[in-house]
Amino acid sequence: MKKETKKVFMAIFLLSCCIVKIGEIVIQLQEIKDRTVILKNRIKGKFDERKTIQRV
């Protein structure tokens, strides 16, 4: 193989690795968002329970 084709293959390989890493980070961010939404809903639920108890 020529040096130029090796460089092209290396560039493509590095780009694909970067795309995979970015994908993993996006998935992790999505999971964190889901967790925070669940936690917020739980906290809201606790406050709602307290309000209903106070009303009674």
PDB file of N, CA and C in Angstrom:
ATOM      1  N   MET A   1       0.841  -1.202   0.000  1.00  0.00           N
ATOM      2  CA  MET A   1       0.000   0.000   0.000  1.00  0.00           C
ATOM      3  C   MET A   1       0.875   1.251   0.000  1.00  0.00           C
ATOM      4  N   LYS A   2       0.384   2.280  -0.647  1.00  0.00           N
ATOM      5  CA  LYS A   2       1.105   3.551  -0.665  1.00  0.00           C
ATOM      6  C   LYS A   2       0.896   4.272   0.649  1.00  0.00           C
ATOM      7  N   LYS A   3       1.774   5.230   0.908  1.00  0.00           N
ATOM      8  CA  LYS A   3       1.654   6.007   2.147  1.00  0.00           C
ATOM      9  C   LYS A   3       0.366   6.813   2.163  1.00  0.00           C
ATOM     10  N   GLU A   4      -0.024   7.351   0.996  1.00  0.00           N
ATOM     11  CA  GLU A   4      -1.229   8.192   0.925  1.00  0.00           C
ATOM     12  C   GLU A   4      -2.469   7.392   1.295  1.00  0.00           C
ATOM     13  N   THR A   5      -2.589   6.162   0.764  1.00  0.00           N
ATOM     14  CA  THR A   5      -3.774   5.355   1.064  1.00  0.00           C
ATOM     15  C   THR A   5      -3.788   4.979   2.544  1.00  0.00           C
ATOM     16  N   LYS A   6      -2.609   4.734   3.117  1.00  0.00           N
ATOM     17  CA  LYS A   6      -2.537   4.430   4.552  1.00  0.00           C
ATOM     18  C   LYS A   6      -3.040   5.612   5.353  1.00  0.00           C
ATOM     19  N   LYS A   7      -2.640   6.826   4.976  1.00  0.00           N
ATOM     20  CA  LYS A   7      -3.093   8.033   5.683  1.00  0.00           C
ATOM     21  C   LYS A   7      -4.612   8.168   5.595  1.00  0.00           C
ATOM     22  N   VAL A   8      -5.166   7.903   4.401  1.00  0.00           N
ATOM     23  CA  VAL A   8      -6.612   8.013   4.209  1.00  0.00           C
ATOM     24  C   VAL A   8      -7.317   7.014   5.116  1.00  0.00           C
ATOM     25  N   PHE A   9      -6.823   5.779   5.147  1.00  0.00           N
ATOM     26  CA  PHE A   9      -7.445   4.757   5.987  1.00  0.00           C
ATOM     27  C   PHE A   9      -7.357   5.129   7.467  1.00  0.00           C
ATOM     28  N   MET A  10      -6.220   5.671   7.882  1.00  0.00           N
ATOM     29  CA  MET A  10      -6.066   6.094   9.276  1.00  0.00           C
ATOM     30  C   MET A  10      -7.056   7.213   9.605  1.00  0.00           C
ATOM     31  N   ALA A  11      -7.207   8.162   8.696  1.00  0.00           N
ATOM     32  CA  ALA A  11      -8.133   9.273   8.914  1.00  0.00           C
ATOM     33  C   ALA A  11      -9.566   8.752   9.049  1.00  0.00           C
ATOM     34  N   ILE A  12      -9.960   7.829   8.161  1.00  0.00           N
ATOM     35  CA  ILE A  12     -11.313   7.263   8.220  1.00  0.00           C
ATOM     36  C   ILE A  12     -11.494   6.519   9.538  1.00  0.00           C
ATOM     37  N   PHE A  13     -10.477   5.754   9.942  1.00  0.00           N
ATOM     38  CA  PHE A  13     -10.545   4.977  11.189  1.00  0.00           C
ATOM     39  C   PHE A  13     -10.711   5.907  12.388  1.00  0.00           C
ATOM     40  N   LEU A  14      -9.918   6.979  12.443  1.00  0.00           N
ATOM     41  CA  LEU A  14      -9.998   7.924  13.560  1.00  0.00           C
ATOM     42  C   LEU A  14     -11.356   8.614  13.584  1.00  0.00           C
ATOM     43  N   LEU A  15     -11.865   8.989  12.402  1.00  0.00           N
ATOM     44  CA  LEU A  15     -13.176   9.637  12.334  1.00  0.00           C
ATOM     45  C   LEU A  15     -14.261   8.708  12.855  1.00  0.00           C
ATOM     46  N   SER A  16     -14.214   7.439  12.445  1.00  0.00           N
ATOM     47  CA  SER A  16     -15.237   6.495  12.900  1.00  0.00           C
ATOM     48  C   SER A  16     -15.148   6.306  14.410  1.00  0.00           C
ATOM     49  N   CYS A  17     -13.943   6.269  14.951  1.00  0.00           N
ATOM     50  CA  CYS A  17     -13.783   6.146  16.409  1.00  0.00           C
ATOM     51  C   CYS A  17     -14.396   7.353  17.114  1.00  0.00           C
ATOM     52  N   CYS A  18     -14.160   8.543  16.580  1.00  0.00           N
ATOM     53  CA  CYS A  18     -14.705   9.761  17.179  1.00  0.00           C
ATOM     54  C   CYS A  18     -16.229   9.726  17.146  1.00  0.00           C
ATOM     55  N   ILE A  19     -16.798   9.273  16.026  1.00  0.00           N
ATOM     56  CA  ILE A  19     -18.260   9.220  15.895  1.00  0.00           C
ATOM     57  C   ILE A  19     -18.825   8.252  16.931  1.00  0.00           C
ATOM     58  N   VAL A  20     -18.164   7.103  17.117  1.00  0.00           N
ATOM     59  CA  VAL A  20     -18.633   6.123  18.109  1.00  0.00           C
ATOM     60  C   VAL A  20     -18.579   6.729  19.503  1.00  0.00           C
ATOM     61  N   LYS A  21     -17.480   7.422  19.818  1.00  0.00           N
ATOM     62  CA  LYS A  21     -17.346   8.040  21.149  1.00  0.00           C
ATOM     63  C   LYS A  21     -18.441   9.079  21.380  1.00  0.00           C
ATOM     64  N   ILE A  22     -18.702   9.909  20.363  1.00  0.00           N
ATOM     65  CA  ILE A  22     -19.734  10.940  20.488  1.00  0.00           C
ATOM     66  C   ILE A  22     -21.087  10.272  20.721  1.00  0.00           C
ATOM     67  N   GLY A  23     -21.348   9.181  20.002  1.00  0.00           N
ATOM     68  CA  GLY A  23     -22.597   8.439  20.186  1.00  0.00           C
ATOM     69  C   GLY A  23     -22.743   7.936  21.605  1.00  0.00           C
ATOM     70  N   GLU A  24     -21.657   7.380  22.168  1.00  0.00           N
ATOM     71  CA  GLU A  24     -21.695   6.875  23.545  1.00  0.00           C
ATOM     72  C   GLU A  24     -21.991   8.008  24.522  1.00  0.00           C
ATOM     73  N   ILE A  25     -21.361   9.163  24.317  1.00  0.00           N
ATOM     74  CA  ILE A  25     -21.573  10.311  25.214  1.00  0.00           C
ATOM     75  C   ILE A  25     -23.029  10.759  25.138  1.00  0.00           C
ATOM     76  N   VAL A  26     -23.585  10.798  23.923  1.00  0.00           N
ATOM     77  CA  VAL A  26     -24.985  11.224  23.755  1.00  0.00           C
ATOM     78  C   VAL A  26     -25.905  10.264  24.499  1.00  0.00           C
ATOM     79  N   ILE A  27     -25.629   8.949  24.382  1.00  0.00           N
ATOM     80  CA  ILE A  27     -26.457   7.950  25.070  1.00  0.00           C
ATOM     81  C   ILE A  27     -26.361   8.158  26.578  1.00  0.00           C
ATOM     82  N   GLN A  28     -25.156   8.410  27.089  1.00  0.00           N
ATOM     83  CA  GLN A  28     -24.986   8.624  28.526  1.00  0.00           C
ATOM     84  C   GLN A  28     -25.742   9.862  28.986  1.00  0.00           C
ATOM     85  N   LEU A  29     -25.688  10.936  28.200  1.00  0.00           N
ATOM     86  CA  LEU A  29     -26.413  12.167  28.556  1.00  0.00           C
ATOM     87  C   LEU A  29     -27.910  11.901  28.591  1.00  0.00           C
ATOM     88  N   GLN A  30     -28.400  11.106  27.625  1.00  0.00           N
ATOM     89  CA  GLN A  30     -29.823  10.776  27.577  1.00  0.00           C
ATOM     90  C   GLN A  30     -30.220  10.011  28.835  1.00  0.00           C
ATOM     91  N   GLU A  31     -29.364   9.059  29.273  1.00  0.00           N
ATOM     92  CA  GLU A  31     -29.653   8.279  30.484  1.00  0.00           C
ATOM     93  C   GLU A  31     -29.690   9.197  31.708  1.00  0.00           C
ATOM     94  N   ILE A  32     -28.750  10.139  31.785  1.00  0.00           N
ATOM     95  CA  ILE A  32     -28.716  11.068  32.921  1.00  0.00           C
ATOM     96  C   ILE A  32     -30.000  11.897  32.941  1.00  0.00           C
ATOM     97  N   LYS A  33     -30.443  12.377  31.759  1.00  0.00           N
ATOM     98  CA  LYS A  33     -31.684  13.159  31.692  1.00  0.00           C
ATOM     99  C   LYS A  33     -32.846  12.327  32.209  1.00  0.00           C
ATOM    100  N   ASP A  34     -32.925  11.070  31.764  1.00  0.00           N
ATOM    101  CA  ASP A  34     -34.020  10.200  32.204  1.00  0.00           C
ATOM    102  C   ASP A  34     -33.998  10.039  33.720  1.00  0.00           C
ATOM    103  N   ARG A  35     -32.816   9.837  34.290  1.00  0.00           N
ATOM    104  CA  ARG A  35     -32.693   9.655  35.743  1.00  0.00           C
ATOM    105  C   ARG A  35     -33.139  10.903  36.489  1.00  0.00           C
ATOM    106  N   THR A  36     -32.727  12.079  36.003  1.00  0.00           N
ATOM    107  CA  THR A  36     -33.101  13.315  36.699  1.00  0.00           C
ATOM    108  C   THR A  36     -34.608  13.523  36.619  1.00  0.00           C
ATOM    109  N   VAL A  37     -35.219  13.172  35.490  1.00  0.00           N
ATOM    110  CA  VAL A  37     -36.676  13.318  35.356  1.00  0.00           C
ATOM    111  C   VAL A  37     -37.358  12.407  36.364  1.00  0.00           C
ATOM    112  N   ILE A  38     -36.870  11.160  36.485  1.00  0.00           N
ATOM    113  CA  ILE A  38     -37.463  10.214  37.441  1.00  0.00           C
ATOM    114  C   ILE A  38     -37.320  10.762  38.855  1.00  0.00           C
ATOM    115  N   LEU A  39     -36.138  11.277  39.193  1.00  0.00           N
ATOM    116  CA  LEU A  39     -35.920  11.812  40.537  1.00  0.00           C
ATOM    117  C   LEU A  39     -36.834  13.002  40.805  1.00  0.00           C
ATOM    118  N   LYS A  40     -36.965  13.898  39.826  1.00  0.00           N
ATOM    119  CA  LYS A  40     -37.838  15.060  39.996  1.00  0.00           C
ATOM    120  C   LYS A  40     -39.272  14.610  40.231  1.00  0.00           C
ATOM    121  N   ASN A  41     -39.719  13.614  39.477  1.00  0.00           N
ATOM    122  CA  ASN A  41     -41.087  13.121  39.628  1.00  0.00           C
ATOM    123  C   ASN A  41     -41.282  12.514  41.018  1.00  0.00           C
ATOM    124  N   ARG A  42     -40.260  11.809  41.518  1.00  0.00           N
ATOM    125  CA  ARG A  42     -40.354  11.208  42.851  1.00  0.00           C
ATOM    126  C   ARG A  42     -40.472  12.308  43.906  1.00  0.00           C
ATOM    127  N   ILE A  43     -39.640  13.347  43.773  1.00  0.00           N
ATOM    128  CA  ILE A  43     -39.662  14.453  44.744  1.00  0.00           C
ATOM    129  C   ILE A  43     -41.027  15.139  44.694  1.00  0.00           C
ATOM    130  N   LYS A  44     -41.541  15.385  43.471  1.00  0.00           N
ATOM    131  CA  LYS A  44     -42.858  16.006  43.321  1.00  0.00           C
ATOM    132  C   LYS A  44     -43.912  15.128  43.968  1.00  0.00           C
ATOM    133  N   GLY A  45     -43.795  13.825  43.760  1.00  0.00           N
ATOM    134  CA  GLY A  45     -44.750  12.881  44.340  1.00  0.00           C
ATOM    135  C   GLY A  45     -44.751  12.968  45.857  1.00  0.00           C
ATOM    136  N   LYS A  46     -43.571  13.089  46.453  1.00  0.00           N
ATOM    137  CA  LYS A  46     -43.476  13.191  47.915  1.00  0.00           C
ATOM    138  C   LYS A  46     -44.155  14.467  48.397  1.00  0.00           C
ATOM    139  N   PHE A  47     -43.921  15.577  47.701  1.00  0.00           N
ATOM    140  CA  PHE A  47     -44.539  16.845  48.100  1.00  0.00           C
ATOM    141  C   PHE A  47     -46.055  16.758  47.942  1.00  0.00           C
ATOM    142  N   ASP A  48     -46.503  16.121  46.854  1.00  0.00           N
ATOM    143  CA  ASP A  48     -47.942  15.976  46.634  1.00  0.00           C
ATOM    144  C   ASP A  48     -48.567  15.168  47.778  1.00  0.00           C
ATOM    145  N   GLU A  49     -47.873  14.101  48.199  1.00  0.00           N
ATOM    146  CA  GLU A  49     -48.380  13.269  49.300  1.00  0.00           C
ATOM    147  C   GLU A  49     -48.494  14.125  50.573  1.00  0.00           C
ATOM    148  N   ARG A  50     -47.499  14.944  50.839  1.00  0.00           N
ATOM    149  CA  ARG A  50     -47.527  15.800  52.024  1.00  0.00           C
ATOM    150  C   ARG A  50     -48.706  16.759  51.970  1.00  0.00           C
ATOM    151  N   LYS A  51     -48.949  17.353  50.801  1.00  0.00           N
ATOM    152  CA  LYS A  51     -50.056  18.317  50.642  1.00  0.00           C
ATOM    153  C   LYS A  51     -51.381  17.609  50.913  1.00  0.00           C
ATOM    154  N   THR A  52     -51.551  16.408  50.338  1.00  0.00           N
ATOM    155  CA  THR A  52     -52.830  15.722  50.528  1.00  0.00           C
ATOM    156  C   THR A  52     -53.019  15.353  51.998  1.00  0.00           C
ATOM    157  N   ILE A  53     -51.952  14.972  52.670  1.00  0.00           N
ATOM    158  CA  ILE A  53     -52.049  14.619  54.090  1.00  0.00           C
ATOM    159  C   ILE A  53     -52.440  15.865  54.891  1.00  0.00           C
ATOM    160  N   GLN A  54     -51.854  17.022  54.582  1.00  0.00           N
ATOM    161  CA  GLN A  54     -52.157  18.265  55.305  1.00  0.00           C
ATOM    162  C   GLN A  54     -53.619  18.670  55.100  1.00  0.00           C
ATOM    163  N   ARG A  55     -54.137  18.462  53.886  1.00  0.00           N
ATOM    164  CA  ARG A  55     -55.525  18.834  53.597  1.00  0.00           C
ATOM    165  C   ARG A  55     -56.478  18.016  54.463  1.00  0.00           C
ATOM    166  N   VAL A  56     -56.192  16.756  54.618  1.00  0.00           N
ATOM    167  CA  VAL A  56     -57.057  15.870  55.420  1.00  0.00           C
ATOM    168  C   VAL A  56     -56.800  16.184  56.892  1.00  0.00           C
TER     169      VAL A  56
END
